[in-house]
Amino acid sequence: MMYRNFAIATLLAAPLIVMATQALLPKPGTPQQQGEPAIKPDVPPPPPPMPVAPVVTPGAPSVDAPSAFGQPMVGADQPAMMPGTGLPDTSAPPMTGGMAAGFSPQDAPAGSPNSE
């Protein structure tokens, strides 16, 4: 019920709001006063650009030599982290033995990758 009343009020008030807005806005096509420029600059000119200092990363190789283009980076063949520098020597213990006890390929369900 409340939505219905709001919809009726909106439909009745919309033409009144449009007419009031049109009465307050200037009419298009009215001649401007003499001596008044057509466009008034209200924005100041942008400030001159500031020079930006180049970012220097310590330890970064220089790329000044044009012959280095297309060549691999120095140390690219070395892994980033090696065992012994916070990493374990192996990711999992080695598997010893064969299949789990009580399992054979004949016991696997048909269509599974372990069946023969």
PDB file of N, CA and C in Angstrom:
ATOM      1  N   MET A   1       0.826  -1.186   0.000  1.00  0.00           N
ATOM      2  CA  MET A   1       0.000   0.000   0.000  1.00  0.00           C
ATOM      3  C   MET A   1       0.876   1.257   0.000  1.00  0.00           C
ATOM      4  N   MET A   2       1.970   1.186   0.767  1.00  0.00           N
ATOM      5  CA  MET A   2       2.837   2.347   0.851  1.00  0.00           C
ATOM      6  C   MET A   2       3.529   2.602  -0.494  1.00  0.00           C
ATOM      7  N   TYR A   3       3.910   1.522  -1.184  1.00  0.00           N
ATOM      8  CA  TYR A   3       4.549   1.678  -2.492  1.00  0.00           C
ATOM      9  C   TYR A   3       3.586   2.298  -3.494  1.00  0.00           C
ATOM     10  N   ARG A   4       2.341   1.915  -3.444  1.00  0.00           N
ATOM     11  CA  ARG A   4       1.326   2.458  -4.362  1.00  0.00           C
ATOM     12  C   ARG A   4       1.172   3.962  -4.136  1.00  0.00           C
ATOM     13  N   ASN A   5       1.119   4.382  -2.876  1.00  0.00           N
ATOM     14  CA  ASN A   5       0.990   5.811  -2.572  1.00  0.00           C
ATOM     15  C   ASN A   5       2.224   6.575  -3.033  1.00  0.00           C
ATOM     16  N   PHE A   6       3.392   5.985  -2.867  1.00  0.00           N
ATOM     17  CA  PHE A   6       4.615   6.646  -3.323  1.00  0.00           C
ATOM     18  C   PHE A   6       4.613   6.781  -4.844  1.00  0.00           C
ATOM     19  N   ALA A   7       4.169   5.758  -5.553  1.00  0.00           N
ATOM     20  CA  ALA A   7       4.124   5.821  -7.012  1.00  0.00           C
ATOM     21  C   ALA A   7       3.151   6.902  -7.481  1.00  0.00           C
ATOM     22  N   ILE A   8       2.009   7.013  -6.842  1.00  0.00           N
ATOM     23  CA  ILE A   8       1.024   8.052  -7.229  1.00  0.00           C
ATOM     24  C   ILE A   8       1.598   9.437  -6.959  1.00  0.00           C
ATOM     25  N   ALA A   9       2.251   9.619  -5.809  1.00  0.00           N
ATOM     26  CA  ALA A   9       2.838  10.924  -5.494  1.00  0.00           C
ATOM     27  C   ALA A   9       3.944  11.283  -6.472  1.00  0.00           C
ATOM     28  N   THR A  10       4.736  10.301  -6.887  1.00  0.00           N
ATOM     29  CA  THR A  10       5.802  10.561  -7.855  1.00  0.00           C
ATOM     30  C   THR A  10       5.228  10.972  -9.201  1.00  0.00           C
ATOM     31  N   LEU A  11       4.180  10.288  -9.641  1.00  0.00           N
ATOM     32  CA  LEU A  11       3.580  10.630 -10.938  1.00  0.00           C
ATOM     33  C   LEU A  11       2.951  12.010 -10.927  1.00  0.00           C
ATOM     34  N   LEU A  12       2.408  12.436  -9.804  1.00  0.00           N
ATOM     35  CA  LEU A  12       1.802  13.768  -9.726  1.00  0.00           C
ATOM     36  C   LEU A  12       2.852  14.858  -9.554  1.00  0.00           C
ATOM     37  N   ALA A  13       3.943  14.575  -8.840  1.00  0.00           N
ATOM     38  CA  ALA A  13       4.940  15.601  -8.559  1.00  0.00           C
ATOM     39  C   ALA A  13       5.935  15.776  -9.700  1.00  0.00           C
ATOM     40  N   ALA A  14       6.134  14.779 -10.532  1.00  0.00           N
ATOM     41  CA  ALA A  14       7.146  14.860 -11.593  1.00  0.00           C
ATOM     42  C   ALA A  14       6.887  16.016 -12.555  1.00  0.00           C
ATOM     43  N   PRO A  15       5.671  16.209 -13.084  1.00  0.00           N
ATOM     44  CA  PRO A  15       5.466  17.354 -13.991  1.00  0.00           C
ATOM     45  C   PRO A  15       5.689  18.695 -13.296  1.00  0.00           C
ATOM     46  N   LEU A  16       5.353  18.793 -12.027  1.00  0.00           N
ATOM     47  CA  LEU A  16       5.573  20.051 -11.315  1.00  0.00           C
ATOM     48  C   LEU A  16       7.065  20.338 -11.153  1.00  0.00           C
ATOM     49  N   ILE A  17       7.843  19.314 -10.874  1.00  0.00           N
ATOM     50  CA  ILE A  17       9.292  19.494 -10.731  1.00  0.00           C
ATOM     51  C   ILE A  17       9.914  19.885 -12.065  1.00  0.00           C
ATOM     52  N   VAL A  18       9.460  19.282 -13.158  1.00  0.00           N
ATOM     53  CA  VAL A  18       9.996  19.611 -14.485  1.00  0.00           C
ATOM     54  C   VAL A  18       9.664  21.049 -14.844  1.00  0.00           C
ATOM     55  N   MET A  19       8.442  21.492 -14.596  1.00  0.00           N
ATOM     56  CA  MET A  19       8.059  22.870 -14.937  1.00  0.00           C
ATOM     57  C   MET A  19       8.835  23.879 -14.095  1.00  0.00           C
ATOM     58  N   ALA A  20       9.062  23.586 -12.822  1.00  0.00           N
ATOM     59  CA  ALA A  20       9.822  24.502 -11.971  1.00  0.00           C
ATOM     60  C   ALA A  20      11.274  24.575 -12.425  1.00  0.00           C
ATOM     61  N   THR A  21      11.837  23.470 -12.827  1.00  0.00           N
ATOM     62  CA  THR A  21      13.222  23.453 -13.308  1.00  0.00           C
ATOM     63  C   THR A  21      13.358  24.231 -14.603  1.00  0.00           C
ATOM     64  N   GLN A  22      12.416  24.068 -15.513  1.00  0.00           N
ATOM     65  CA  GLN A  22      12.472  24.792 -16.779  1.00  0.00           C
ATOM     66  C   GLN A  22      12.302  26.288 -16.574  1.00  0.00           C
ATOM     67  N   ALA A  23      11.558  26.686 -15.569  1.00  0.00           N
ATOM     68  CA  ALA A  23      11.374  28.110 -15.311  1.00  0.00           C
ATOM     69  C   ALA A  23      12.645  28.740 -14.749  1.00  0.00           C
ATOM     70  N   LEU A  24      13.430  27.982 -14.017  1.00  0.00           N
ATOM     71  CA  LEU A  24      14.631  28.539 -13.402  1.00  0.00           C
ATOM     72  C   LEU A  24      15.844  28.506 -14.315  1.00  0.00           C
ATOM     73  N   LEU A  25      15.917  27.574 -15.235  1.00  0.00           N
ATOM     74  CA  LEU A  25      17.075  27.468 -16.123  1.00  0.00           C
ATOM     75  C   LEU A  25      16.997  28.513 -17.224  1.00  0.00           C
ATOM     76  N   PRO A  26      18.156  28.966 -17.730  1.00  0.00           N
ATOM     77  CA  PRO A  26      18.125  29.929 -18.841  1.00  0.00           C
ATOM     78  C   PRO A  26      17.603  29.260 -20.110  1.00  0.00           C
ATOM     79  N   LYS A  27      16.959  30.052 -20.911  1.00  0.00           N
ATOM     80  CA  LYS A  27      16.380  29.545 -22.155  1.00  0.00           C
ATOM     81  C   LYS A  27      17.488  29.361 -23.202  1.00  0.00           C
ATOM     82  N   PRO A  28      17.483  28.283 -23.956  1.00  0.00           N
ATOM     83  CA  PRO A  28      18.491  28.125 -25.006  1.00  0.00           C
ATOM     84  C   PRO A  28      18.214  29.096 -26.156  1.00  0.00           C
ATOM     85  N   GLY A  29      19.287  29.590 -26.747  1.00  0.00           N
ATOM     86  CA  GLY A  29      19.160  30.465 -27.905  1.00  0.00           C
ATOM     87  C   GLY A  29      18.972  31.927 -27.543  1.00  0.00           C
ATOM     88  N   THR A  30      19.073  32.310 -26.277  1.00  0.00           N
ATOM     89  CA  THR A  30      18.951  33.723 -25.920  1.00  0.00           C
ATOM     90  C   THR A  30      20.264  34.411 -26.223  1.00  0.00           C
ATOM     91  N   PRO A  31      20.209  35.614 -26.792  1.00  0.00           N
ATOM     92  CA  PRO A  31      21.460  36.326 -27.117  1.00  0.00           C
ATOM     93  C   PRO A  31      22.175  36.741 -25.833  1.00  0.00           C
ATOM     94  N   GLN A  32      23.505  36.677 -25.885  1.00  0.00           N
ATOM     95  CA  GLN A  32      24.299  37.056 -24.731  1.00  0.00           C
ATOM     96  C   GLN A  32      24.502  38.555 -24.733  1.00  0.00           C
ATOM     97  N   GLN A  33      24.851  39.080 -23.582  1.00  0.00           N
ATOM     98  CA  GLN A  33      25.102  40.512 -23.492  1.00  0.00           C
ATOM     99  C   GLN A  33      26.380  40.849 -24.256  1.00  0.00           C
ATOM    100  N   GLN A  34      26.431  42.056 -24.777  1.00  0.00           N
ATOM    101  CA  GLN A  34      27.591  42.491 -25.540  1.00  0.00           C
ATOM    102  C   GLN A  34      28.803  42.617 -24.621  1.00  0.00           C
ATOM    103  N   GLY A  35      29.958  42.205 -25.118  1.00  0.00           N
ATOM    104  CA  GLY A  35      31.198  42.329 -24.365  1.00  0.00           C
ATOM    105  C   GLY A  35      31.462  41.134 -23.460  1.00  0.00           C
ATOM    106  N   GLU A  36      30.548  40.224 -23.368  1.00  0.00           N
ATOM    107  CA  GLU A  36      30.747  39.048 -22.535  1.00  0.00           C
ATOM    108  C   GLU A  36      31.282  37.913 -23.417  1.00  0.00           C
ATOM    109  N   PRO A  37      32.398  37.293 -23.057  1.00  0.00           N
ATOM    110  CA  PRO A  37      32.932  36.231 -23.908  1.00  0.00           C
ATOM    111  C   PRO A  37      32.009  35.008 -23.891  1.00  0.00           C
ATOM    112  N   ALA A  38      32.066  34.251 -24.964  1.00  0.00           N
ATOM    113  CA  ALA A  38      31.199  33.082 -25.090  1.00  0.00           C
ATOM    114  C   ALA A  38      31.586  32.000 -24.076  1.00  0.00           C
ATOM    115  N   ILE A  39      32.870  31.821 -23.868  1.00  0.00           N
ATOM    116  CA  ILE A  39      33.344  30.801 -22.928  1.00  0.00           C
ATOM    117  C   ILE A  39      34.233  31.488 -21.908  1.00  0.00           C
ATOM    118  N   LYS A  40      33.916  31.292 -20.648  1.00  0.00           N
ATOM    119  CA  LYS A  40      34.716  31.891 -19.589  1.00  0.00           C
ATOM    120  C   LYS A  40      35.673  30.830 -19.046  1.00  0.00           C
ATOM    121  N   PRO A  41      36.961  31.094 -19.076  1.00  0.00           N
ATOM    122  CA  PRO A  41      37.891  30.114 -18.512  1.00  0.00           C
ATOM    123  C   PRO A  41      37.825  30.163 -16.989  1.00  0.00           C
ATOM    124  N   ASP A  42      37.358  29.117 -16.370  1.00  0.00           N
ATOM    125  CA  ASP A  42      37.268  29.079 -14.922  1.00  0.00           C
ATOM    126  C   ASP A  42      38.297  28.135 -14.309  1.00  0.00           C
ATOM    127  N   VAL A  43      39.119  27.527 -15.167  1.00  0.00           N
ATOM    128  CA  VAL A  43      40.141  26.610 -14.684  1.00  0.00           C
ATOM    129  C   VAL A  43      41.503  27.244 -14.938  1.00  0.00           C
ATOM    130  N   PRO A  44      42.357  27.345 -13.909  1.00  0.00           N
ATOM    131  CA  PRO A  44      43.687  27.919 -14.144  1.00  0.00           C
ATOM    132  C   PRO A  44      44.519  26.969 -15.002  1.00  0.00           C
ATOM    133  N   PRO A  45      45.531  27.497 -15.666  1.00  0.00           N
ATOM    134  CA  PRO A  45      46.363  26.623 -16.505  1.00  0.00           C
ATOM    135  C   PRO A  45      47.072  25.588 -15.635  1.00  0.00           C
ATOM    136  N   PRO A  46      47.349  24.427 -16.200  1.00  0.00           N
ATOM    137  CA  PRO A  46      48.008  23.387 -15.400  1.00  0.00           C
ATOM    138  C   PRO A  46      49.422  23.796 -15.036  1.00  0.00           C
ATOM    139  N   PRO A  47      49.921  23.344 -13.882  1.00  0.00           N
ATOM    140  CA  PRO A  47      51.289  23.698 -13.489  1.00  0.00           C
ATOM    141  C   PRO A  47      52.292  22.991 -14.389  1.00  0.00           C
ATOM    142  N   PRO A  48      53.493  23.548 -14.499  1.00  0.00           N
ATOM    143  CA  PRO A  48      54.508  22.888 -15.340  1.00  0.00           C
ATOM    144  C   PRO A  48      54.864  21.531 -14.748  1.00  0.00           C
ATOM    145  N   PRO A  49      55.175  20.560 -15.595  1.00  0.00           N
ATOM    146  CA  PRO A  49      55.493  19.224 -15.077  1.00  0.00           C
ATOM    147  C   PRO A  49      56.798  19.237 -14.295  1.00  0.00           C
ATOM    148  N   MET A  50      56.813  18.475 -13.218  1.00  0.00           N
ATOM    149  CA  MET A  50      58.001  18.370 -12.382  1.00  0.00           C
ATOM    150  C   MET A  50      58.899  17.273 -12.940  1.00  0.00           C
ATOM    151  N   PRO A  51      60.208  17.476 -12.951  1.00  0.00           N
ATOM    152  CA  PRO A  51      61.093  16.408 -13.426  1.00  0.00           C
ATOM    153  C   PRO A  51      61.069  15.244 -12.436  1.00  0.00           C
ATOM    154  N   VAL A  52      61.062  14.047 -12.967  1.00  0.00           N
ATOM    155  CA  VAL A  52      61.009  12.849 -12.140  1.00  0.00           C
ATOM    156  C   VAL A  52      62.390  12.213 -12.107  1.00  0.00           C
ATOM    157  N   ALA A  53      62.853  11.935 -10.893  1.00  0.00           N
ATOM    158  CA  ALA A  53      64.167  11.299 -10.746  1.00  0.00           C
ATOM    159  C   ALA A  53      64.054   9.830 -11.111  1.00  0.00           C
ATOM    160  N   PRO A  54      65.048   9.276 -11.795  1.00  0.00           N
ATOM    161  CA  PRO A  54      64.980   7.853 -12.140  1.00  0.00           C
ATOM    162  C   PRO A  54      65.086   6.991 -10.887  1.00  0.00           C
ATOM    163  N   VAL A  55      64.368   5.884 -10.883  1.00  0.00           N
ATOM    164  CA  VAL A  55      64.393   4.962  -9.758  1.00  0.00           C
ATOM    165  C   VAL A  55      65.580   4.029  -9.931  1.00  0.00           C
ATOM    166  N   VAL A  56      66.421   3.973  -8.911  1.00  0.00           N
ATOM    167  CA  VAL A  56      67.607   3.132  -8.955  1.00  0.00           C
ATOM    168  C   VAL A  56      67.400   1.985  -7.978  1.00  0.00           C
ATOM    169  N   THR A  57      67.426   0.770  -8.488  1.00  0.00           N
ATOM    170  CA  THR A  57      67.296  -0.411  -7.653  1.00  0.00           C
ATOM    171  C   THR A  57      68.683  -0.947  -7.366  1.00  0.00           C
ATOM    172  N   PRO A  58      69.031  -1.140  -6.085  1.00  0.00           N
ATOM    173  CA  PRO A  58      70.381  -1.641  -5.808  1.00  0.00           C
ATOM    174  C   PRO A  58      70.530  -3.075  -6.292  1.00  0.00           C
ATOM    175  N   GLY A  59      71.633  -3.332  -6.933  1.00  0.00           N
ATOM    176  CA  GLY A  59      71.926  -4.673  -7.407  1.00  0.00           C
ATOM    177  C   GLY A  59      71.336  -4.980  -8.771  1.00  0.00           C
ATOM    178  N   ALA A  60      70.603  -4.074  -9.348  1.00  0.00           N
ATOM    179  CA  ALA A  60      70.018  -4.326 -10.661  1.00  0.00           C
ATOM    180  C   ALA A  60      71.100  -4.186 -11.725  1.00  0.00           C
ATOM    181  N   PRO A  61      71.158  -5.102 -12.669  1.00  0.00           N
ATOM    182  CA  PRO A  61      72.164  -4.991 -13.724  1.00  0.00           C
ATOM    183  C   PRO A  61      71.842  -3.817 -14.636  1.00  0.00           C
ATOM    184  N   SER A  62      72.877  -3.208 -15.136  1.00  0.00           N
ATOM    185  CA  SER A  62      72.659  -2.076 -16.033  1.00  0.00           C
ATOM    186  C   SER A  62      72.243  -2.594 -17.409  1.00  0.00           C
ATOM    187  N   VAL A  63      71.371  -1.853 -18.054  1.00  0.00           N
ATOM    188  CA  VAL A  63      70.897  -2.243 -19.377  1.00  0.00           C
ATOM    189  C   VAL A  63      71.364  -1.244 -20.428  1.00  0.00           C
ATOM    190  N   ASP A  64      72.532  -0.641 -20.155  1.00  0.00           N
ATOM    191  CA  ASP A  64      73.042   0.362 -21.081  1.00  0.00           C
ATOM    192  C   ASP A  64      73.594  -0.268 -22.352  1.00  0.00           C
ATOM    193  N   ALA A  65      74.115  -1.470 -22.256  1.00  0.00           N
ATOM    194  CA  ALA A  65      74.742  -2.082 -23.422  1.00  0.00           C
ATOM    195  C   ALA A  65      73.680  -2.622 -24.366  1.00  0.00           C
ATOM    196  N   PRO A  66      73.648  -2.165 -25.625  1.00  0.00           N
ATOM    197  CA  PRO A  66      72.648  -2.682 -26.555  1.00  0.00           C
ATOM    198  C   PRO A  66      72.894  -4.138 -26.934  1.00  0.00           C
ATOM    199  N   SER A  67      74.129  -4.654 -26.696  1.00  0.00           N
ATOM    200  CA  SER A  67      74.408  -6.041 -27.056  1.00  0.00           C
ATOM    201  C   SER A  67      73.767  -7.015 -26.075  1.00  0.00           C
ATOM    202  N   ALA A  68      73.333  -6.552 -24.892  1.00  0.00           N
ATOM    203  CA  ALA A  68      72.730  -7.425 -23.895  1.00  0.00           C
ATOM    204  C   ALA A  68      71.260  -7.706 -24.214  1.00  0.00           C
ATOM    205  N   PHE A  69      70.718  -7.058 -25.215  1.00  0.00           N
ATOM    206  CA  PHE A  69      69.303  -7.260 -25.535  1.00  0.00           C
ATOM    207  C   PHE A  69      69.094  -8.666 -26.078  1.00  0.00           C
ATOM    208  N   GLY A  70      68.127  -9.375 -25.516  1.00  0.00           N
ATOM    209  CA  GLY A  70      67.815 -10.717 -25.960  1.00  0.00           C
ATOM    210  C   GLY A  70      68.638 -11.797 -25.296  1.00  0.00           C
ATOM    211  N   GLN A  71      69.594 -11.420 -24.452  1.00  0.00           N
ATOM    212  CA  GLN A  71      70.432 -12.390 -23.762  1.00  0.00           C
ATOM    213  C   GLN A  71      69.794 -12.746 -22.420  1.00  0.00           C
ATOM    214  N   PRO A  72      70.034 -13.962 -21.902  1.00  0.00           N
ATOM    215  CA  PRO A  72      69.451 -14.322 -20.606  1.00  0.00           C
ATOM    216  C   PRO A  72      70.064 -13.489 -19.485  1.00  0.00           C
ATOM    217  N   MET A  73      69.306 -13.319 -18.430  1.00  0.00           N
ATOM    218  CA  MET A  73      69.777 -12.546 -17.284  1.00  0.00           C
ATOM    219  C   MET A  73      70.869 -13.313 -16.558  1.00  0.00           C
ATOM    220  N   VAL A  74      71.726 -12.582 -15.887  1.00  0.00           N
ATOM    221  CA  VAL A  74      72.806 -13.187 -15.130  1.00  0.00           C
ATOM    222  C   VAL A  74      72.183 -13.942 -13.960  1.00  0.00           C
ATOM    223  N   GLY A  75      72.547 -15.196 -13.775  1.00  0.00           N
ATOM    224  CA  GLY A  75      72.027 -16.001 -12.681  1.00  0.00           C
ATOM    225  C   GLY A  75      70.660 -16.596 -12.954  1.00  0.00           C
ATOM    226  N   ALA A  76      70.189 -16.550 -14.202  1.00  0.00           N
ATOM    227  CA  ALA A  76      68.874 -17.092 -14.517  1.00  0.00           C
ATOM    228  C   ALA A  76      68.861 -18.607 -14.432  1.00  0.00           C
ATOM    229  N   ASP A  77      70.025 -19.237 -14.552  1.00  0.00           N
ATOM    230  CA  ASP A  77      70.062 -20.693 -14.490  1.00  0.00           C
ATOM    231  C   ASP A  77      70.146 -21.212 -13.056  1.00  0.00           C
ATOM    232  N   GLN A  78      70.274 -20.329 -12.074  1.00  0.00           N
ATOM    233  CA  GLN A  78      70.351 -20.733 -10.675  1.00  0.00           C
ATOM    234  C   GLN A  78      68.948 -20.699 -10.062  1.00  0.00           C
ATOM    235  N   PRO A  79      68.602 -21.702  -9.245  1.00  0.00           N
ATOM    236  CA  PRO A  79      67.289 -21.678  -8.595  1.00  0.00           C
ATOM    237  C   PRO A  79      67.234 -20.561  -7.550  1.00  0.00           C
ATOM    238  N   ALA A  80      66.054 -20.031  -7.338  1.00  0.00           N
ATOM    239  CA  ALA A  80      65.897 -18.944  -6.381  1.00  0.00           C
ATOM    240  C   ALA A  80      66.102 -19.439  -4.958  1.00  0.00           C
ATOM    241  N   MET A  81      65.614 -20.650  -4.652  1.00  0.00           N
ATOM    242  CA  MET A  81      65.789 -21.230  -3.325  1.00  0.00           C
ATOM    243  C   MET A  81      66.340 -22.640  -3.504  1.00  0.00           C
ATOM    244  N   MET A  82      67.354 -22.951  -2.742  1.00  0.00           N
ATOM    245  CA  MET A  82      67.958 -24.274  -2.856  1.00  0.00           C
ATOM    246  C   MET A  82      67.810 -25.001  -1.531  1.00  0.00           C
ATOM    247  N   PRO A  83      67.817 -26.350  -1.534  1.00  0.00           N
ATOM    248  CA  PRO A  83      67.761 -27.086  -0.279  1.00  0.00           C
ATOM    249  C   PRO A  83      68.917 -26.682   0.625  1.00  0.00           C
ATOM    250  N   GLY A  84      68.594 -26.525   1.895  1.00  0.00           N
ATOM    251  CA  GLY A  84      69.610 -26.101   2.846  1.00  0.00           C
ATOM    252  C   GLY A  84      69.478 -24.636   3.208  1.00  0.00           C
ATOM    253  N   THR A  85      68.755 -23.843   2.426  1.00  0.00           N
ATOM    254  CA  THR A  85      68.554 -22.426   2.742  1.00  0.00           C
ATOM    255  C   THR A  85      67.127 -22.230   3.229  1.00  0.00           C
ATOM    256  N   GLY A  86      66.746 -23.016   4.230  1.00  0.00           N
ATOM    257  CA  GLY A  86      65.408 -22.895   4.780  1.00  0.00           C
ATOM    258  C   GLY A  86      64.447 -23.918   4.225  1.00  0.00           C
ATOM    259  N   LEU A  87      64.888 -24.712   3.243  1.00  0.00           N
ATOM    260  CA  LEU A  87      64.036 -25.742   2.661  1.00  0.00           C
ATOM    261  C   LEU A  87      64.534 -27.114   3.092  1.00  0.00           C
ATOM    262  N   PRO A  88      63.638 -28.083   3.207  1.00  0.00           N
ATOM    263  CA  PRO A  88      64.107 -29.437   3.516  1.00  0.00           C
ATOM    264  C   PRO A  88      64.849 -30.025   2.326  1.00  0.00           C
ATOM    265  N   ASP A  89      65.629 -31.070   2.600  1.00  0.00           N
ATOM    266  CA  ASP A  89      66.402 -31.695   1.525  1.00  0.00           C
ATOM    267  C   ASP A  89      65.495 -32.363   0.500  1.00  0.00           C
ATOM    268  N   THR A  90      64.408 -33.003   0.960  1.00  0.00           N
ATOM    269  CA  THR A  90      63.463 -33.628   0.041  1.00  0.00           C
ATOM    270  C   THR A  90      62.063 -33.201   0.424  1.00  0.00           C
ATOM    271  N   SER A  91      61.159 -33.257  -0.520  1.00  0.00           N
ATOM    272  CA  SER A  91      59.795 -32.827  -0.240  1.00  0.00           C
ATOM    273  C   SER A  91      58.994 -33.910   0.455  1.00  0.00           C
ATOM    274  N   ALA A  92      59.310 -35.189   0.249  1.00  0.00           N
ATOM    275  CA  ALA A  92      58.612 -36.301   0.882  1.00  0.00           C
ATOM    276  C   ALA A  92      59.610 -37.435   1.078  1.00  0.00           C
ATOM    277  N   PRO A  93      59.363 -38.265   2.076  1.00  0.00           N
ATOM    278  CA  PRO A  93      60.296 -39.385   2.248  1.00  0.00           C
ATOM    279  C   PRO A  93      60.201 -40.324   1.051  1.00  0.00           C
ATOM    280  N   PRO A  94      61.291 -40.979   0.723  1.00  0.00           N
ATOM    281  CA  PRO A  94      61.250 -41.876  -0.430  1.00  0.00           C
ATOM    282  C   PRO A  94      60.314 -43.053  -0.177  1.00  0.00           C
ATOM    283  N   MET A  95      59.659 -43.509  -1.217  1.00  0.00           N
ATOM    284  CA  MET A  95      58.733 -44.634  -1.099  1.00  0.00           C
ATOM    285  C   MET A  95      59.532 -45.930  -1.127  1.00  0.00           C
ATOM    286  N   THR A  96      59.318 -46.735  -0.130  1.00  0.00           N
ATOM    287  CA  THR A  96      59.962 -48.044  -0.099  1.00  0.00           C
ATOM    288  C   THR A  96      58.872 -49.103  -0.153  1.00  0.00           C
ATOM    289  N   GLY A  97      59.150 -50.171  -0.770  1.00  0.00           N
ATOM    290  CA  GLY A  97      58.142 -51.208  -0.906  1.00  0.00           C
ATOM    291  C   GLY A  97      57.373 -51.000  -2.198  1.00  0.00           C
ATOM    292  N   GLY A  98      56.386 -51.786  -2.380  1.00  0.00           N
ATOM    293  CA  GLY A  98      55.611 -51.693  -3.609  1.00  0.00           C
ATOM    294  C   GLY A  98      54.218 -51.193  -3.316  1.00  0.00           C
ATOM    295  N   MET A  99      53.229 -52.020  -3.627  1.00  0.00           N
ATOM    296  CA  MET A  99      51.847 -51.642  -3.411  1.00  0.00           C
ATOM    297  C   MET A  99      51.490 -51.796  -1.938  1.00  0.00           C
ATOM    298  N   ALA A 100      50.429 -51.108  -1.552  1.00  0.00           N
ATOM    299  CA  ALA A 100      49.948 -51.226  -0.182  1.00  0.00           C
ATOM    300  C   ALA A 100      49.511 -52.658   0.078  1.00  0.00           C
ATOM    301  N   ALA A 101      49.604 -53.057   1.331  1.00  0.00           N
ATOM    302  CA  ALA A 101      49.240 -54.435   1.683  1.00  0.00           C
ATOM    303  C   ALA A 101      47.751 -54.662   1.427  1.00  0.00           C
ATOM    304  N   GLY A 102      47.419 -55.785   0.847  1.00  0.00           N
ATOM    305  CA  GLY A 102      46.021 -56.114   0.601  1.00  0.00           C
ATOM    306  C   GLY A 102      45.462 -55.520  -0.675  1.00  0.00           C
ATOM    307  N   PHE A 103      46.299 -54.936  -1.514  1.00  0.00           N
ATOM    308  CA  PHE A 103      45.799 -54.361  -2.765  1.00  0.00           C
ATOM    309  C   PHE A 103      46.442 -55.087  -3.933  1.00  0.00           C
ATOM    310  N   SER A 104      45.630 -55.368  -4.898  1.00  0.00           N
ATOM    311  CA  SER A 104      46.159 -55.936  -6.129  1.00  0.00           C
ATOM    312  C   SER A 104      45.385 -55.335  -7.290  1.00  0.00           C
ATOM    313  N   PRO A 105      45.980 -55.261  -8.468  1.00  0.00           N
ATOM    314  CA  PRO A 105      45.283 -54.678  -9.618  1.00  0.00           C
ATOM    315  C   PRO A 105      43.994 -55.408  -9.955  1.00  0.00           C
ATOM    316  N   GLN A 106      43.877 -56.667  -9.593  1.00  0.00           N
ATOM    317  CA  GLN A 106      42.649 -57.399  -9.894  1.00  0.00           C
ATOM    318  C   GLN A 106      41.504 -56.933  -8.989  1.00  0.00           C
ATOM    319  N   ASP A 107      41.799 -56.375  -7.808  1.00  0.00           N
ATOM    320  CA  ASP A 107      40.771 -55.920  -6.887  1.00  0.00           C
ATOM    321  C   ASP A 107      40.247 -54.527  -7.237  1.00  0.00           C
ATOM    322  N   ALA A 108      40.911 -53.826  -8.136  1.00  0.00           N
ATOM    323  CA  ALA A 108      40.489 -52.466  -8.488  1.00  0.00           C
ATOM    324  C   ALA A 108      39.194 -52.504  -9.272  1.00  0.00           C
ATOM    325  N   PRO A 109      38.311 -51.497  -9.119  1.00  0.00           N
ATOM    326  CA  PRO A 109      37.071 -51.481  -9.881  1.00  0.00           C
ATOM    327  C   PRO A 109      37.333 -51.349 -11.375  1.00  0.00           C
ATOM    328  N   ALA A 110      36.412 -51.871 -12.167  1.00  0.00           N
ATOM    329  CA  ALA A 110      36.572 -51.809 -13.620  1.00  0.00           C
ATOM    330  C   ALA A 110      36.539 -50.356 -14.081  1.00  0.00           C
ATOM    331  N   GLY A 111      37.418 -50.003 -14.967  1.00  0.00           N
ATOM    332  CA  GLY A 111      37.476 -48.643 -15.511  1.00  0.00           C
ATOM    333  C   GLY A 111      38.381 -47.723 -14.749  1.00  0.00           C
ATOM    334  N   SER A 112      38.896 -48.124 -13.582  1.00  0.00           N
ATOM    335  CA  SER A 112      39.806 -47.259 -12.828  1.00  0.00           C
ATOM    336  C   SER A 112      41.195 -47.357 -13.446  1.00  0.00           C
ATOM    337  N   PRO A 113      42.040 -46.353 -13.251  1.00  0.00           N
ATOM    338  CA  PRO A 113      43.372 -46.404 -13.856  1.00  0.00           C
ATOM    339  C   PRO A 113      44.258 -47.500 -13.259  1.00  0.00           C
ATOM    340  N   ASN A 114      43.888 -48.064 -12.095  1.00  0.00           N
ATOM    341  CA  ASN A 114      44.705 -49.095 -11.483  1.00  0.00           C
ATOM    342  C   ASN A 114      44.325 -50.508 -11.906  1.00  0.00           C
ATOM    343  N   SER A 115      43.241 -50.639 -12.612  1.00  0.00           N
ATOM    344  CA  SER A 115      42.810 -51.984 -12.999  1.00  0.00           C
ATOM    345  C   SER A 115      43.601 -52.464 -14.215  1.00  0.00           C
ATOM    346  N   GLU A 116      43.700 -53.770 -14.349  1.00  0.00           N
ATOM    347  CA  GLU A 116      44.415 -54.312 -15.506  1.00  0.00           C
ATOM    348  C   GLU A 116      43.470 -55.013 -16.433  1.00  0.00           C
TER     349      GLU A 116
END
